[in-house]
Amino acid sequence: MEKSKSFPEYSCSYSEFGFRERSNSYNFNGPNQKGNGFSASNDPELKRKKRIKAYNVLTVEGKLKTSVRNSFKWIKNKFSDIRYGV
């Protein structure tokens, strides 16, 4: 089979460019090294802020659901009033 002229063979390794070999598995728990990267699991203040944001999201969702529910009730009542002539 003929070699491609546009892609000649190079004899270089990943380490020459600063890359390192990685496993194919993905770690869902964040970085493994301590002190390297962002670690919110040890900081209680960041945990608290994250928890409060989650509560606020749930509060907004609840308010939105209530508003939509009340809107449908109002529309239903208006059509009932029109239909039955109240």
Protein backbone atom coordinates (compact mmCIF):
# COMPACT_ATOMS: atom_id res chain seq x y z
CA MET A 1 0.00 0.00 0.00
CA GLU A 2 1.30 3.46 -0.89
CA LYS A 3 2.11 5.96 1.86
CA SER A 4 0.32 9.28 1.85
CA LYS A 5 2.53 12.16 0.74
CA SER A 6 0.56 14.72 2.73
CA PHE A 7 1.11 12.87 6.02
CA PRO A 8 4.71 11.71 6.24
CA GLU A 9 5.70 9.52 9.15
CA TYR A 10 6.99 11.31 12.21
CA SER A 11 8.87 9.57 14.98
CA CYS A 12 7.91 11.69 17.94
CA SER A 13 6.18 10.77 21.15
CA TYR A 14 3.53 12.54 23.21
CA SER A 15 6.08 13.38 25.88
CA GLU A 16 7.98 15.68 23.51
CA PHE A 17 4.97 17.98 23.40
CA GLY A 18 4.24 17.84 27.12
CA PHE A 19 1.35 15.38 26.84
CA ARG A 20 1.12 12.42 29.13
CA GLU A 21 -0.62 9.12 28.68
CA ARG A 22 -4.07 9.02 30.27
CA SER A 23 -6.33 6.10 30.97
CA ASN A 24 -9.57 5.77 29.04
CA SER A 25 -11.68 5.89 32.20
CA TYR A 26 -13.15 9.14 33.47
CA ASN A 27 -13.07 10.10 37.13
CA PHE A 28 -16.38 11.68 38.16
CA ASN A 29 -15.07 12.73 41.58
CA GLY A 30 -12.79 15.51 40.39
CA PRO A 31 -9.01 15.75 40.59
CA ASN A 32 -7.19 13.09 42.57
CA GLN A 33 -4.23 15.15 43.70
CA LYS A 34 -4.67 17.19 46.86
CA GLY A 35 -3.96 20.88 46.51
CA ASN A 36 -4.25 20.73 42.74
CA GLY A 37 -7.39 22.11 41.17
CA PHE A 38 -10.64 23.33 42.66
CA SER A 39 -11.96 21.24 45.54
CA ALA A 40 -15.29 22.32 47.00
CA SER A 41 -15.74 19.09 48.96
CA ASN A 42 -13.55 20.28 51.83
CA ASP A 43 -14.70 23.89 52.08
CA PRO A 44 -17.84 24.22 54.23
CA GLU A 45 -18.50 27.78 53.05
CA LEU A 46 -18.65 26.70 49.39
CA LYS A 47 -20.90 23.79 50.34
CA ARG A 48 -23.24 26.20 52.14
CA LYS A 49 -23.37 28.57 49.16
CA LYS A 50 -24.10 25.70 46.79
CA ARG A 51 -26.86 24.40 49.07
CA ILE A 52 -28.45 27.86 49.35
CA LYS A 53 -28.42 28.25 45.56
CA ALA A 54 -30.19 24.91 45.24
CA TYR A 55 -32.83 26.06 47.76
CA ASN A 56 -33.32 29.28 45.83
CA VAL A 57 -33.81 27.38 42.57
CA LEU A 58 -36.45 25.19 44.23
CA THR A 59 -38.20 28.28 45.61
CA VAL A 60 -38.32 29.93 42.18
CA GLU A 61 -39.63 26.71 40.62
CA GLY A 62 -42.36 26.51 43.25
CA LYS A 63 -43.40 30.12 42.68
CA LEU A 64 -43.53 29.56 38.92
CA LYS A 65 -45.67 26.43 39.29
CA THR A 66 -48.06 28.27 41.61
CA SER A 67 -48.33 31.18 39.21
CA VAL A 68 -49.07 28.92 36.24
CA ARG A 69 -51.60 26.92 38.27
CA ASN A 70 -53.40 30.11 39.39
CA SER A 71 -53.41 31.41 35.81
CA PHE A 72 -55.11 28.26 34.54
CA LYS A 73 -57.66 28.43 37.37
CA TRP A 74 -58.44 32.06 36.47
CA ILE A 75 -58.85 31.23 32.76
CA LYS A 76 -61.05 28.23 33.61
CA ASN A 77 -63.24 30.36 35.87
CA LYS A 78 -63.58 33.10 33.24
CA PHE A 79 -64.70 30.62 30.57
CA SER A 80 -67.12 29.04 33.03
CA ASP A 81 -68.57 32.45 33.87
CA ILE A 82 -68.98 33.27 30.16
CA ARG A 83 -70.50 29.87 29.35
CA TYR A 84 -73.01 29.81 32.20
CA GLY A 85 -73.70 33.55 32.14
CA VAL A 86 -72.71 34.37 35.69
